[in-house]
Amino acid sequence: MRLMRSRDPQKQEDGFHQLLPHAAEHLNELIKQFEEEQDDQGLRGWLLELIAAAASPTALPILAAQLVGPDESLRDCAAVGLSKLNTPEARTLLWQARANGTIT
């Protein structure tokens, strides 16, 4: 997380890629960081991408909330995460979002 919060774009990118293969191991911390981050939309996007990459049922509530949220890029990331999760609940949420026109 320290690298992802750096002002250096390369360090941010490095931090993201270092965490990516370990997202499932740090899922609870990533969710906490996502919920606490309010200012940096780019960081929020990366955190949600890491949460989605974990492909864990623990991520379902946060992905579901972002699927219907106001930020289109977060909605898209949540849809990808729910697709990876591929549970009946995740598929239902995706179907509902498509039916409501929230995602395509």
PDB file of N, CA and C in Angstrom:
ATOM      1  N   MET A   1       0.831  -1.198   0.000  1.00  0.00           N
ATOM      2  CA  MET A   1       0.000   0.000   0.000  1.00  0.00           C
ATOM      3  C   MET A   1       0.870   1.255   0.000  1.00  0.00           C
ATOM      4  N   ARG A   2       2.008   1.169   0.666  1.00  0.00           N
ATOM      5  CA  ARG A   2       2.879   2.343   0.727  1.00  0.00           C
ATOM      6  C   ARG A   2       3.270   2.772  -0.688  1.00  0.00           C
ATOM      7  N   LEU A   3       3.632   1.813  -1.524  1.00  0.00           N
ATOM      8  CA  LEU A   3       4.014   2.147  -2.895  1.00  0.00           C
ATOM      9  C   LEU A   3       2.834   2.703  -3.687  1.00  0.00           C
ATOM     10  N   MET A   4       1.666   2.150  -3.478  1.00  0.00           N
ATOM     11  CA  MET A   4       0.496   2.611  -4.228  1.00  0.00           C
ATOM     12  C   MET A   4       0.093   4.032  -3.835  1.00  0.00           C
ATOM     13  N   ARG A   5       0.490   4.465  -2.648  1.00  0.00           N
ATOM     14  CA  ARG A   5       0.185   5.830  -2.200  1.00  0.00           C
ATOM     15  C   ARG A   5       1.301   6.824  -2.543  1.00  0.00           C
ATOM     16  N   SER A   6       2.342   6.360  -3.193  1.00  0.00           N
ATOM     17  CA  SER A   6       3.463   7.217  -3.575  1.00  0.00           C
ATOM     18  C   SER A   6       3.005   8.258  -4.595  1.00  0.00           C
ATOM     19  N   ARG A   7       3.753   9.342  -4.674  1.00  0.00           N
ATOM     20  CA  ARG A   7       3.470  10.352  -5.707  1.00  0.00           C
ATOM     21  C   ARG A   7       4.122   9.980  -7.036  1.00  0.00           C
ATOM     22  N   ASP A   8       5.002   9.000  -6.996  1.00  0.00           N
ATOM     23  CA  ASP A   8       5.710   8.541  -8.190  1.00  0.00           C
ATOM     24  C   ASP A   8       4.837   7.513  -8.921  1.00  0.00           C
ATOM     25  N   PRO A   9       4.391   7.826 -10.145  1.00  0.00           N
ATOM     26  CA  PRO A   9       3.509   6.905 -10.876  1.00  0.00           C
ATOM     27  C   PRO A   9       4.098   5.504 -11.061  1.00  0.00           C
ATOM     28  N   GLN A  10       5.420   5.414 -11.259  1.00  0.00           N
ATOM     29  CA  GLN A  10       6.030   4.096 -11.433  1.00  0.00           C
ATOM     30  C   GLN A  10       5.958   3.293 -10.144  1.00  0.00           C
ATOM     31  N   LYS A  11       6.179   3.939  -9.014  1.00  0.00           N
ATOM     32  CA  LYS A  11       6.065   3.249  -7.730  1.00  0.00           C
ATOM     33  C   LYS A  11       4.629   2.808  -7.470  1.00  0.00           C
ATOM     34  N   GLN A  12       3.674   3.637  -7.865  1.00  0.00           N
ATOM     35  CA  GLN A  12       2.263   3.263  -7.724  1.00  0.00           C
ATOM     36  C   GLN A  12       1.978   1.992  -8.520  1.00  0.00           C
ATOM     37  N   GLU A  13       2.430   1.996  -9.758  1.00  0.00           N
ATOM     38  CA  GLU A  13       2.223   0.841 -10.640  1.00  0.00           C
ATOM     39  C   GLU A  13       2.917  -0.403 -10.081  1.00  0.00           C
ATOM     40  N   ASP A  14       4.137  -0.222  -9.589  1.00  0.00           N
ATOM     41  CA  ASP A  14       4.873  -1.341  -8.999  1.00  0.00           C
ATOM     42  C   ASP A  14       4.129  -1.908  -7.795  1.00  0.00           C
ATOM     43  N   GLY A  15       3.614  -1.031  -6.951  1.00  0.00           N
ATOM     44  CA  GLY A  15       2.869  -1.470  -5.777  1.00  0.00           C
ATOM     45  C   GLY A  15       1.645  -2.281  -6.161  1.00  0.00           C
ATOM     46  N   PHE A  16       0.931  -1.817  -7.165  1.00  0.00           N
ATOM     47  CA  PHE A  16      -0.251  -2.545  -7.635  1.00  0.00           C
ATOM     48  C   PHE A  16       0.129  -3.944  -8.110  1.00  0.00           C
ATOM     49  N   HIS A  17       1.161  -4.020  -8.932  1.00  0.00           N
ATOM     50  CA  HIS A  17       1.545  -5.315  -9.500  1.00  0.00           C
ATOM     51  C   HIS A  17       2.167  -6.254  -8.471  1.00  0.00           C
ATOM     52  N   GLN A  18       2.763  -5.698  -7.429  1.00  0.00           N
ATOM     53  CA  GLN A  18       3.264  -6.544  -6.347  1.00  0.00           C
ATOM     54  C   GLN A  18       2.116  -7.149  -5.547  1.00  0.00           C
ATOM     55  N   LEU A  19       1.048  -6.388  -5.364  1.00  0.00           N
ATOM     56  CA  LEU A  19      -0.100  -6.879  -4.595  1.00  0.00           C
ATOM     57  C   LEU A  19      -1.008  -7.810  -5.393  1.00  0.00           C
ATOM     58  N   LEU A  20      -1.061  -7.638  -6.687  1.00  0.00           N
ATOM     59  CA  LEU A  20      -2.006  -8.385  -7.518  1.00  0.00           C
ATOM     60  C   LEU A  20      -2.002  -9.895  -7.274  1.00  0.00           C
ATOM     61  N   PRO A  21      -0.842 -10.571  -7.274  1.00  0.00           N
ATOM     62  CA  PRO A  21      -0.889 -12.022  -7.053  1.00  0.00           C
ATOM     63  C   PRO A  21      -1.216 -12.419  -5.613  1.00  0.00           C
ATOM     64  N   HIS A  22      -1.240 -11.442  -4.719  1.00  0.00           N
ATOM     65  CA  HIS A  22      -1.498 -11.714  -3.301  1.00  0.00           C
ATOM     66  C   HIS A  22      -2.798 -11.085  -2.816  1.00  0.00           C
ATOM     67  N   ALA A  23      -3.638 -10.671  -3.742  1.00  0.00           N
ATOM     68  CA  ALA A  23      -4.860  -9.952  -3.374  1.00  0.00           C
ATOM     69  C   ALA A  23      -5.749 -10.768  -2.433  1.00  0.00           C
ATOM     70  N   ALA A  24      -5.890 -12.044  -2.694  1.00  0.00           N
ATOM     71  CA  ALA A  24      -6.767 -12.877  -1.848  1.00  0.00           C
ATOM     72  C   ALA A  24      -6.246 -12.953  -0.423  1.00  0.00           C
ATOM     73  N   GLU A  25      -4.923 -12.967  -0.265  1.00  0.00           N
ATOM     74  CA  GLU A  25      -4.330 -13.044   1.072  1.00  0.00           C
ATOM     75  C   GLU A  25      -4.575 -11.775   1.882  1.00  0.00           C
ATOM     76  N   HIS A  26      -4.740 -10.654   1.208  1.00  0.00           N
ATOM     77  CA  HIS A  26      -4.874  -9.356   1.871  1.00  0.00           C
ATOM     78  C   HIS A  26      -6.251  -8.730   1.644  1.00  0.00           C
ATOM     79  N   LEU A  27      -7.221  -9.563   1.321  1.00  0.00           N
ATOM     80  CA  LEU A  27      -8.529  -9.049   0.917  1.00  0.00           C
ATOM     81  C   LEU A  27      -9.168  -8.144   1.962  1.00  0.00           C
ATOM     82  N   ASN A  28      -9.181  -8.556   3.218  1.00  0.00           N
ATOM     83  CA  ASN A  28      -9.827  -7.730   4.249  1.00  0.00           C
ATOM     84  C   ASN A  28      -9.165  -6.366   4.370  1.00  0.00           C
ATOM     85  N   GLU A  29      -7.848  -6.333   4.291  1.00  0.00           N
ATOM     86  CA  GLU A  29      -7.139  -5.050   4.355  1.00  0.00           C
ATOM     87  C   GLU A  29      -7.449  -4.191   3.121  1.00  0.00           C
ATOM     88  N   LEU A  30      -7.512  -4.820   1.955  1.00  0.00           N
ATOM     89  CA  LEU A  30      -7.829  -4.080   0.728  1.00  0.00           C
ATOM     90  C   LEU A  30      -9.232  -3.486   0.800  1.00  0.00           C
ATOM     91  N   ILE A  31     -10.177  -4.245   1.322  1.00  0.00           N
ATOM     92  CA  ILE A  31     -11.543  -3.740   1.469  1.00  0.00           C
ATOM     93  C   ILE A  31     -11.557  -2.555   2.427  1.00  0.00           C
ATOM     94  N   LYS A  32     -10.846  -2.682   3.526  1.00  0.00           N
ATOM     95  CA  LYS A  32     -10.780  -1.589   4.502  1.00  0.00           C
ATOM     96  C   LYS A  32     -10.180  -0.337   3.867  1.00  0.00           C
ATOM     97  N   GLN A  33      -9.086  -0.506   3.138  1.00  0.00           N
ATOM     98  CA  GLN A  33      -8.436   0.628   2.474  1.00  0.00           C
ATOM     99  C   GLN A  33      -9.387   1.273   1.456  1.00  0.00           C
ATOM    100  N   PHE A  34     -10.117   0.452   0.711  1.00  0.00           N
ATOM    101  CA  PHE A  34     -11.062   0.972  -0.280  1.00  0.00           C
ATOM    102  C   PHE A  34     -12.144   1.801   0.403  1.00  0.00           C
ATOM    103  N   GLU A  35     -12.681   1.284   1.483  1.00  0.00           N
ATOM    104  CA  GLU A  35     -13.754   1.992   2.197  1.00  0.00           C
ATOM    105  C   GLU A  35     -13.272   3.288   2.823  1.00  0.00           C
ATOM    106  N   GLU A  36     -12.006   3.331   3.234  1.00  0.00           N
ATOM    107  CA  GLU A  36     -11.468   4.529   3.872  1.00  0.00           C
ATOM    108  C   GLU A  36     -11.007   5.582   2.867  1.00  0.00           C
ATOM    109  N   GLU A  37     -10.633   5.159   1.673  1.00  0.00           N
ATOM    110  CA  GLU A  37     -10.124   6.092   0.663  1.00  0.00           C
ATOM    111  C   GLU A  37     -11.284   6.849   0.030  1.00  0.00           C
ATOM    112  N   GLN A  38     -11.253   8.162   0.149  1.00  0.00           N
ATOM    113  CA  GLN A  38     -12.324   8.980  -0.425  1.00  0.00           C
ATOM    114  C   GLN A  38     -11.816   9.996  -1.439  1.00  0.00           C
ATOM    115  N   ASP A  39     -10.525  10.298  -1.400  1.00  0.00           N
ATOM    116  CA  ASP A  39     -10.001  11.400  -2.208  1.00  0.00           C
ATOM    117  C   ASP A  39      -9.417  10.984  -3.547  1.00  0.00           C
ATOM    118  N   ASP A  40      -8.717   9.880  -3.588  1.00  0.00           N
ATOM    119  CA  ASP A  40      -7.977   9.477  -4.780  1.00  0.00           C
ATOM    120  C   ASP A  40      -8.772   8.424  -5.564  1.00  0.00           C
ATOM    121  N   GLN A  41      -9.467   8.866  -6.597  1.00  0.00           N
ATOM    122  CA  GLN A  41     -10.303   7.955  -7.373  1.00  0.00           C
ATOM    123  C   GLN A  41      -9.477   6.915  -8.119  1.00  0.00           C
ATOM    124  N   GLY A  42      -8.281   7.276  -8.541  1.00  0.00           N
ATOM    125  CA  GLY A  42      -7.418   6.307  -9.210  1.00  0.00           C
ATOM    126  C   GLY A  42      -7.023   5.180  -8.271  1.00  0.00           C
ATOM    127  N   LEU A  43      -6.691   5.539  -7.051  1.00  0.00           N
ATOM    128  CA  LEU A  43      -6.337   4.534  -6.048  1.00  0.00           C
ATOM    129  C   LEU A  43      -7.544   3.665  -5.713  1.00  0.00           C
ATOM    130  N   ARG A  44      -8.715   4.281  -5.609  1.00  0.00           N
ATOM    131  CA  ARG A  44      -9.936   3.501  -5.355  1.00  0.00           C
ATOM    132  C   ARG A  44     -10.160   2.483  -6.470  1.00  0.00           C
ATOM    133  N   GLY A  45      -9.914   2.886  -7.703  1.00  0.00           N
ATOM    134  CA  GLY A  45     -10.073   1.975  -8.829  1.00  0.00           C
ATOM    135  C   GLY A  45      -9.112   0.805  -8.741  1.00  0.00           C
ATOM    136  N   TRP A  46      -7.865   1.099  -8.415  1.00  0.00           N
ATOM    137  CA  TRP A  46      -6.876   0.026  -8.280  1.00  0.00           C
ATOM    138  C   TRP A  46      -7.227  -0.905  -7.127  1.00  0.00           C
ATOM    139  N   LEU A  47      -7.672  -0.334  -6.011  1.00  0.00           N
ATOM    140  CA  LEU A  47      -8.045  -1.170  -4.867  1.00  0.00           C
ATOM    141  C   LEU A  47      -9.208  -2.087  -5.228  1.00  0.00           C
ATOM    142  N   LEU A  48     -10.200  -1.540  -5.934  1.00  0.00           N
ATOM    143  CA  LEU A  48     -11.330  -2.373  -6.329  1.00  0.00           C
ATOM    144  C   LEU A  48     -10.892  -3.443  -7.326  1.00  0.00           C
ATOM    145  N   GLU A  49      -9.954  -3.108  -8.178  1.00  0.00           N
ATOM    146  CA  GLU A  49      -9.425  -4.095  -9.116  1.00  0.00           C
ATOM    147  C   GLU A  49      -8.733  -5.240  -8.361  1.00  0.00           C
ATOM    148  N   LEU A  50      -7.985  -4.899  -7.316  1.00  0.00           N
ATOM    149  CA  LEU A  50      -7.336  -5.922  -6.495  1.00  0.00           C
ATOM    150  C   LEU A  50      -8.373  -6.764  -5.757  1.00  0.00           C
ATOM    151  N   ILE A  51      -9.401  -6.108  -5.242  1.00  0.00           N
ATOM    152  CA  ILE A  51     -10.483  -6.820  -4.551  1.00  0.00           C
ATOM    153  C   ILE A  51     -11.157  -7.788  -5.517  1.00  0.00           C
ATOM    154  N   ALA A  52     -11.416  -7.330  -6.723  1.00  0.00           N
ATOM    155  CA  ALA A  52     -12.046  -8.173  -7.736  1.00  0.00           C
ATOM    156  C   ALA A  52     -11.142  -9.349  -8.110  1.00  0.00           C
ATOM    157  N   ALA A  53      -9.836  -9.101  -8.175  1.00  0.00           N
ATOM    158  CA  ALA A  53      -8.890 -10.155  -8.553  1.00  0.00           C
ATOM    159  C   ALA A  53      -8.846 -11.276  -7.520  1.00  0.00           C
ATOM    160  N   ALA A  54      -9.218 -10.981  -6.288  1.00  0.00           N
ATOM    161  CA  ALA A  54      -9.210 -12.004  -5.240  1.00  0.00           C
ATOM    162  C   ALA A  54     -10.239 -13.099  -5.517  1.00  0.00           C
ATOM    163  N   ALA A  55     -11.281 -12.775  -6.268  1.00  0.00           N
ATOM    164  CA  ALA A  55     -12.345 -13.737  -6.619  1.00  0.00           C
ATOM    165  C   ALA A  55     -12.833 -14.495  -5.386  1.00  0.00           C
ATOM    166  N   SER A  56     -13.160 -13.749  -4.346  1.00  0.00           N
ATOM    167  CA  SER A  56     -13.601 -14.332  -3.087  1.00  0.00           C
ATOM    168  C   SER A  56     -15.032 -13.906  -2.768  1.00  0.00           C
ATOM    169  N   PRO A  57     -15.843 -14.821  -2.221  1.00  0.00           N
ATOM    170  CA  PRO A  57     -17.193 -14.447  -1.802  1.00  0.00           C
ATOM    171  C   PRO A  57     -17.205 -13.316  -0.774  1.00  0.00           C
ATOM    172  N   THR A  58     -16.112 -13.134  -0.053  1.00  0.00           N
ATOM    173  CA  THR A  58     -16.004 -12.036   0.908  1.00  0.00           C
ATOM    174  C   THR A  58     -16.146 -10.689   0.223  1.00  0.00           C
ATOM    175  N   ALA A  59     -15.763 -10.616  -1.035  1.00  0.00           N
ATOM    176  CA  ALA A  59     -15.811  -9.369  -1.795  1.00  0.00           C
ATOM    177  C   ALA A  59     -17.200  -9.056  -2.342  1.00  0.00           C
ATOM    178  N   LEU A  60     -18.110 -10.004  -2.273  1.00  0.00           N
ATOM    179  CA  LEU A  60     -19.438  -9.819  -2.876  1.00  0.00           C
ATOM    180  C   LEU A  60     -20.135  -8.528  -2.443  1.00  0.00           C
ATOM    181  N   PRO A  61     -20.209  -8.202  -1.145  1.00  0.00           N
ATOM    182  CA  PRO A  61     -20.931  -6.973  -0.764  1.00  0.00           C
ATOM    183  C   PRO A  61     -20.335  -5.695  -1.354  1.00  0.00           C
ATOM    184  N   ILE A  62     -19.035  -5.594  -1.359  1.00  0.00           N
ATOM    185  CA  ILE A  62     -18.421  -4.364  -1.878  1.00  0.00           C
ATOM    186  C   ILE A  62     -18.547  -4.290  -3.396  1.00  0.00           C
ATOM    187  N   LEU A  63     -18.426  -5.425  -4.065  1.00  0.00           N
ATOM    188  CA  LEU A  63     -18.611  -5.439  -5.521  1.00  0.00           C
ATOM    189  C   LEU A  63     -20.056  -5.122  -5.874  1.00  0.00           C
ATOM    190  N   ALA A  64     -20.984  -5.663  -5.113  1.00  0.00           N
ATOM    191  CA  ALA A  64     -22.410  -5.391  -5.350  1.00  0.00           C
ATOM    192  C   ALA A  64     -22.712  -3.913  -5.171  1.00  0.00           C
ATOM    193  N   ALA A  65     -22.156  -3.301  -4.135  1.00  0.00           N
ATOM    194  CA  ALA A  65     -22.399  -1.879  -3.879  1.00  0.00           C
ATOM    195  C   ALA A  65     -21.841  -1.014  -5.003  1.00  0.00           C
ATOM    196  N   GLN A  66     -20.666  -1.361  -5.492  1.00  0.00           N
ATOM    197  CA  GLN A  66     -20.053  -0.562  -6.559  1.00  0.00           C
ATOM    198  C   GLN A  66     -20.719  -0.797  -7.910  1.00  0.00           C
ATOM    199  N   LEU A  67     -21.341  -1.943  -8.065  1.00  0.00           N
ATOM    200  CA  LEU A  67     -22.035  -2.252  -9.317  1.00  0.00           C
ATOM    201  C   LEU A  67     -23.176  -1.274  -9.579  1.00  0.00           C
ATOM    202  N   VAL A  68     -23.759  -0.746  -8.544  1.00  0.00           N
ATOM    203  CA  VAL A  68     -24.870   0.202  -8.700  1.00  0.00           C
ATOM    204  C   VAL A  68     -24.473   1.610  -8.271  1.00  0.00           C
ATOM    205  N   GLY A  69     -23.175   1.832  -8.062  1.00  0.00           N
ATOM    206  CA  GLY A  69     -22.690   3.139  -7.629  1.00  0.00           C
ATOM    207  C   GLY A  69     -22.626   4.139  -8.772  1.00  0.00           C
ATOM    208  N   PRO A  70     -22.307   5.389  -8.445  1.00  0.00           N
ATOM    209  CA  PRO A  70     -22.315   6.461  -9.447  1.00  0.00           C
ATOM    210  C   PRO A  70     -21.091   6.490 -10.361  1.00  0.00           C
ATOM    211  N   ASP A  71     -19.990   5.834  -9.977  1.00  0.00           N
ATOM    212  CA  ASP A  71     -18.747   5.890 -10.748  1.00  0.00           C
ATOM    213  C   ASP A  71     -18.722   4.764 -11.784  1.00  0.00           C
ATOM    214  N   GLU A  72     -18.758   5.141 -13.052  1.00  0.00           N
ATOM    215  CA  GLU A  72     -18.827   4.146 -14.130  1.00  0.00           C
ATOM    216  C   GLU A  72     -17.620   3.218 -14.154  1.00  0.00           C
ATOM    217  N   SER A  73     -16.425   3.757 -13.906  1.00  0.00           N
ATOM    218  CA  SER A  73     -15.235   2.909 -13.947  1.00  0.00           C
ATOM    219  C   SER A  73     -15.269   1.890 -12.806  1.00  0.00           C
ATOM    220  N   LEU A  74     -15.778   2.275 -11.641  1.00  0.00           N
ATOM    221  CA  LEU A  74     -15.905   1.331 -10.536  1.00  0.00           C
ATOM    222  C   LEU A  74     -17.003   0.306 -10.821  1.00  0.00           C
ATOM    223  N   ARG A  75     -18.067   0.732 -11.491  1.00  0.00           N
ATOM    224  CA  ARG A  75     -19.124  -0.220 -11.880  1.00  0.00           C
ATOM    225  C   ARG A  75     -18.558  -1.291 -12.804  1.00  0.00           C
ATOM    226  N   ASP A  76     -17.768  -0.855 -13.785  1.00  0.00           N
ATOM    227  CA  ASP A  76     -17.177  -1.810 -14.725  1.00  0.00           C
ATOM    228  C   ASP A  76     -16.248  -2.789 -14.014  1.00  0.00           C
ATOM    229  N   CYS A  77     -15.446  -2.279 -13.103  1.00  0.00           N
ATOM    230  CA  CYS A  77     -14.521  -3.133 -12.350  1.00  0.00           C
ATOM    231  C   CYS A  77     -15.302  -4.112 -11.474  1.00  0.00           C
ATOM    232  N   ALA A  78     -16.376  -3.637 -10.853  1.00  0.00           N
ATOM    233  CA  ALA A  78     -17.212  -4.512 -10.025  1.00  0.00           C
ATOM    234  C   ALA A  78     -17.836  -5.616 -10.881  1.00  0.00           C
ATOM    235  N   ALA A  79     -18.267  -5.276 -12.093  1.00  0.00           N
ATOM    236  CA  ALA A  79     -18.852  -6.273 -12.990  1.00  0.00           C
ATOM    237  C   ALA A  79     -17.828  -7.349 -13.346  1.00  0.00           C
ATOM    238  N   VAL A  80     -16.595  -6.947 -13.603  1.00  0.00           N
ATOM    239  CA  VAL A  80     -15.531  -7.910 -13.899  1.00  0.00           C
ATOM    240  C   VAL A  80     -15.311  -8.812 -12.680  1.00  0.00           C
ATOM    241  N   GLY A  81     -15.266  -8.221 -11.497  1.00  0.00           N
ATOM    242  CA  GLY A  81     -15.062  -9.002 -10.281  1.00  0.00           C
ATOM    243  C   GLY A  81     -16.184  -9.983 -10.021  1.00  0.00           C
ATOM    244  N   LEU A  82     -17.412  -9.556 -10.255  1.00  0.00           N
ATOM    245  CA  LEU A  82     -18.553 -10.455 -10.065  1.00  0.00           C
ATOM    246  C   LEU A  82     -18.532 -11.573 -11.101  1.00  0.00           C
ATOM    247  N   SER A  83     -18.103 -11.269 -12.309  1.00  0.00           N
ATOM    248  CA  SER A  83     -17.981 -12.312 -13.331  1.00  0.00           C
ATOM    249  C   SER A  83     -16.945 -13.348 -12.922  1.00  0.00           C
ATOM    250  N   LYS A  84     -15.820 -12.888 -12.367  1.00  0.00           N
ATOM    251  CA  LYS A  84     -14.785 -13.813 -11.904  1.00  0.00           C
ATOM    252  C   LYS A  84     -15.293 -14.660 -10.739  1.00  0.00           C
ATOM    253  N   LEU A  85     -16.081 -14.042  -9.879  1.00  0.00           N
ATOM    254  CA  LEU A  85     -16.609 -14.746  -8.719  1.00  0.00           C
ATOM    255  C   LEU A  85     -17.524 -15.884  -9.163  1.00  0.00           C
ATOM    256  N   ASN A  86     -18.387 -15.598 -10.134  1.00  0.00           N
ATOM    257  CA  ASN A  86     -19.210 -16.616 -10.787  1.00  0.00           C
ATOM    258  C   ASN A  86     -20.019 -17.480  -9.820  1.00  0.00           C
ATOM    259  N   THR A  87     -20.596 -16.844  -8.818  1.00  0.00           N
ATOM    260  CA  THR A  87     -21.515 -17.548  -7.916  1.00  0.00           C
ATOM    261  C   THR A  87     -22.938 -17.234  -8.364  1.00  0.00           C
ATOM    262  N   PRO A  88     -23.913 -18.003  -7.898  1.00  0.00           N
ATOM    263  CA  PRO A  88     -25.298 -17.663  -8.257  1.00  0.00           C
ATOM    264  C   PRO A  88     -25.668 -16.229  -7.856  1.00  0.00           C
ATOM    265  N   GLU A  89     -25.218 -15.785  -6.684  1.00  0.00           N
ATOM    266  CA  GLU A  89     -25.524 -14.424  -6.233  1.00  0.00           C
ATOM    267  C   GLU A  89     -24.875 -13.387  -7.154  1.00  0.00           C
ATOM    268  N   ALA A  90     -23.636 -13.642  -7.533  1.00  0.00           N
ATOM    269  CA  ALA A  90     -22.927 -12.717  -8.417  1.00  0.00           C
ATOM    270  C   ALA A  90     -23.605 -12.657  -9.789  1.00  0.00           C
ATOM    271  N   ARG A  91     -23.987 -13.806 -10.306  1.00  0.00           N
ATOM    272  CA  ARG A  91     -24.659 -13.826 -11.618  1.00  0.00           C
ATOM    273  C   ARG A  91     -26.001 -13.109 -11.555  1.00  0.00           C
ATOM    274  N   THR A  92     -26.718 -13.249 -10.454  1.00  0.00           N
ATOM    275  CA  THR A  92     -28.001 -12.554 -10.286  1.00  0.00           C
ATOM    276  C   THR A  92     -27.790 -11.041 -10.266  1.00  0.00           C
ATOM    277  N   LEU A  93     -26.789 -10.592  -9.534  1.00  0.00           N
ATOM    278  CA  LEU A  93     -26.498  -9.157  -9.480  1.00  0.00           C
ATOM    279  C   LEU A  93     -26.146  -8.615 -10.857  1.00  0.00           C
ATOM    280  N   LEU A  94     -25.351  -9.359 -11.605  1.00  0.00           N
ATOM    281  CA  LEU A  94     -24.986  -8.928 -12.957  1.00  0.00           C
ATOM    282  C   LEU A  94     -26.218  -8.888 -13.865  1.00  0.00           C
ATOM    283  N   TRP A  95     -27.073  -9.889 -13.756  1.00  0.00           N
ATOM    284  CA  TRP A  95     -28.285  -9.927 -14.578  1.00  0.00           C
ATOM    285  C   TRP A  95     -29.167  -8.721 -14.256  1.00  0.00           C
ATOM    286  N   GLN A  96     -29.335  -8.426 -12.954  1.00  0.00           N
ATOM    287  CA  GLN A  96     -30.158  -7.287 -12.552  1.00  0.00           C
ATOM    288  C   GLN A  96     -29.579  -5.973 -13.051  1.00  0.00           C
ATOM    289  N   ALA A  97     -28.258  -5.824 -12.952  1.00  0.00           N
ATOM    290  CA  ALA A  97     -27.609  -4.591 -13.408  1.00  0.00           C
ATOM    291  C   ALA A  97     -27.778  -4.410 -14.918  1.00  0.00           C
ATOM    292  N   ARG A  98     -27.680  -5.504 -15.651  1.00  0.00           N
ATOM    293  CA  ARG A  98     -27.886  -5.421 -17.110  1.00  0.00           C
ATOM    294  C   ARG A  98     -29.345  -5.089 -17.435  1.00  0.00           C
ATOM    295  N   ALA A  99     -30.266  -5.699 -16.698  1.00  0.00           N
ATOM    296  CA  ALA A  99     -31.684  -5.443 -16.921  1.00  0.00           C
ATOM    297  C   ALA A  99     -32.048  -3.998 -16.605  1.00  0.00           C
ATOM    298  N   ASN A 100     -31.380  -3.419 -15.619  1.00  0.00           N
ATOM    299  CA  ASN A 100     -31.649  -2.025 -15.238  1.00  0.00           C
ATOM    300  C   ASN A 100     -30.856  -1.025 -16.074  1.00  0.00           C
ATOM    301  N   GLY A 101     -29.978  -1.522 -16.933  1.00  0.00           N
ATOM    302  CA  GLY A 101     -29.176  -0.637 -17.772  1.00  0.00           C
ATOM    303  C   GLY A 101     -28.007  -0.017 -17.043  1.00  0.00           C
ATOM    304  N   THR A 102     -27.678  -0.520 -15.860  1.00  0.00           N
ATOM    305  CA  THR A 102     -26.550   0.009 -15.094  1.00  0.00           C
ATOM    306  C   THR A 102     -25.239  -0.355 -15.752  1.00  0.00           C
ATOM    307  N   ILE A 103     -25.166  -1.561 -16.317  1.00  0.00           N
ATOM    308  CA  ILE A 103     -23.989  -1.994 -17.072  1.00  0.00           C
ATOM    309  C   ILE A 103     -24.471  -2.576 -18.404  1.00  0.00           C
ATOM    310  N   THR A 104     -23.544  -2.721 -19.335  1.00  0.00           N
ATOM    311  CA  THR A 104     -23.908  -3.299 -20.635  1.00  0.00           C
ATOM    312  C   THR A 104     -23.371  -4.697 -20.769  1.00  0.00           C
TER     313      THR A 104
END
